[in-house]
Protein backbone atom coordinates (compact mmCIF):
# COMPACT_ATOMS: atom_id res chain seq x y z
CA UNK A 1 71.70 84.35 108.14
CA UNK A 2 75.13 82.82 107.65
CA UNK A 3 77.82 81.84 110.10
CA UNK A 4 78.85 84.51 112.59
CA UNK A 5 82.48 85.52 112.12
CA UNK A 6 84.61 87.80 114.28
CA UNK A 7 87.17 90.54 113.91
CA UNK A 8 89.35 91.69 116.80
CA UNK A 9 89.99 95.41 116.44
CA UNK A 10 91.77 98.00 118.49
CA UNK A 11 89.54 100.84 119.71
CA UNK A 12 91.49 103.41 117.67
CA UNK A 13 91.09 101.30 114.51
CA UNK A 14 87.34 101.04 115.07
CA UNK A 15 87.04 104.78 115.73
CA UNK A 16 88.86 105.50 112.45
CA UNK A 17 86.59 103.04 110.62
CA UNK A 18 83.46 104.71 111.95
CA UNK A 19 84.74 108.10 110.77
CA UNK A 20 85.70 106.72 107.35
CA UNK A 21 82.53 104.66 106.90
CA UNK A 22 84.39 101.34 106.43
CA UNK A 23 87.01 99.24 108.20
CA UNK A 24 90.04 98.71 105.97
CA UNK A 25 91.96 96.69 108.53
CA UNK A 26 94.82 96.85 110.97
CA UNK A 27 98.46 97.30 110.00
CA UNK A 28 98.75 93.48 109.91
CA UNK A 29 95.71 93.23 107.63
CA UNK A 30 97.12 95.87 105.29
CA UNK A 31 100.49 94.08 105.21
CA UNK A 32 98.84 90.74 104.34
CA UNK A 33 96.38 92.17 101.80
CA UNK A 34 93.18 91.02 103.53
CA UNK A 35 91.26 91.47 106.76
CA UNK A 36 91.87 88.58 109.18
CA UNK A 37 88.66 87.12 110.63
CA UNK A 38 87.98 84.16 112.92
CA UNK A 39 85.24 81.65 113.57
CA UNK A 40 83.98 81.47 117.15
CA UNK A 41 86.00 78.28 117.67
CA UNK A 42 89.19 80.04 116.51
CA UNK A 43 88.75 83.23 118.49
CA UNK A 44 90.51 82.44 121.77
CA UNK A 45 93.61 81.11 119.98
CA UNK A 46 93.65 84.22 117.77
CA UNK A 47 93.51 86.47 120.82
CA UNK A 48 96.22 84.53 122.64
CA UNK A 49 98.56 84.40 119.65
CA UNK A 50 98.14 87.90 118.20
CA UNK A 51 96.77 90.09 121.00
CA UNK A 52 98.28 88.69 124.21
CA UNK A 53 97.98 91.14 127.10
CA UNK A 54 96.81 93.91 124.76
CA UNK A 55 94.12 96.17 126.20
CA UNK A 56 91.50 98.31 124.44
CA UNK A 57 90.34 95.54 122.11
CA UNK A 58 86.89 95.23 120.61
CA UNK A 59 85.14 92.18 119.23
CA UNK A 60 83.16 92.78 116.05
CA UNK A 61 80.55 90.14 115.15
CA UNK A 62 79.79 89.78 111.44
CA UNK A 63 77.27 87.78 109.41
CA UNK A 64 79.24 85.84 106.81
CA UNK A 65 76.41 86.10 104.25
CA UNK A 66 76.72 89.88 104.21
CA UNK A 67 80.42 89.81 103.32
CA UNK A 68 79.91 88.74 99.73
CA UNK A 69 82.41 87.19 97.32
CA UNK A 70 85.32 89.03 98.95
CA UNK A 71 85.17 86.45 101.78
CA UNK A 72 87.61 83.60 101.14
CA UNK A 73 88.43 80.56 103.30
CA UNK A 74 92.15 79.87 103.34
CA UNK A 75 94.48 77.53 105.23
CA UNK A 76 96.42 79.13 108.06
CA UNK A 77 97.44 77.87 111.54
CA UNK A 78 97.75 74.10 111.39
CA UNK A 79 96.24 74.13 107.88
CA UNK A 80 92.89 75.08 109.43
CA UNK A 81 90.64 77.17 107.20
CA UNK A 82 90.28 80.78 108.31
CA UNK A 83 87.99 83.46 106.88
CA UNK A 84 89.80 86.29 105.10
CA UNK A 85 88.06 89.36 103.69
CA UNK A 86 89.64 90.76 100.52
CA UNK A 87 88.18 94.24 100.61
CA UNK A 88 86.92 96.76 103.12
CA UNK A 89 84.51 95.72 105.82
CA UNK A 90 81.30 97.71 105.44
CA UNK A 91 80.02 98.98 108.77
CA UNK A 92 76.55 97.72 107.85
CA UNK A 93 77.97 94.17 108.00
CA UNK A 94 78.86 94.56 111.68
CA UNK A 95 76.14 93.08 113.89
CA UNK A 96 77.65 94.01 117.25
CA UNK A 97 80.73 95.50 118.87
CA UNK A 98 81.70 94.63 122.45
CA UNK A 99 84.84 95.26 124.49
CA UNK A 100 87.07 92.28 125.20
CA UNK A 101 87.82 92.01 128.89
CA UNK A 102 90.51 89.91 130.59
CA UNK A 103 90.45 87.81 133.74
CA UNK A 104 92.94 88.11 136.60
CA UNK A 105 95.44 85.96 134.68
CA UNK A 106 95.17 88.10 131.56
CA UNK A 107 93.13 85.60 129.54
CA UNK A 108 90.36 87.02 127.36
CA UNK A 109 86.80 86.73 128.64
CA UNK A 110 84.28 86.33 125.84
CA UNK A 111 80.51 86.55 126.26
CA UNK A 112 79.78 82.88 125.49
CA UNK A 113 76.01 83.21 125.23
CA UNK A 114 76.26 85.92 122.56
CA UNK A 115 79.20 84.56 120.59
CA UNK A 116 78.69 80.80 120.74
CA UNK A 117 82.02 80.01 122.38
CA UNK A 118 82.38 77.16 124.85
């Protein structure tokens, strides 16, 4: 098994992916030409920057080994390497899907024992 990577998806996007048999990405992914993914250590910052106060979000956990050669590591925020998927995300690559909840201050709560976050 490879590194676990994550995709934040809106519930409607995930529902459409399940009907279609593959996740082709959000409007932002389609605009940029790849599906934005995050490492566990990048996840909170991704949520705070791109999904602040947004409800109805899901966290998809993916095994990097199952993503194949379409997975590329490219510099993004602060020149840090982020995983980008250049192609559709096969549903068979998704290990788990859980809702993202928020605390009383609106910060995301992530299940640390399952996702390896501090």
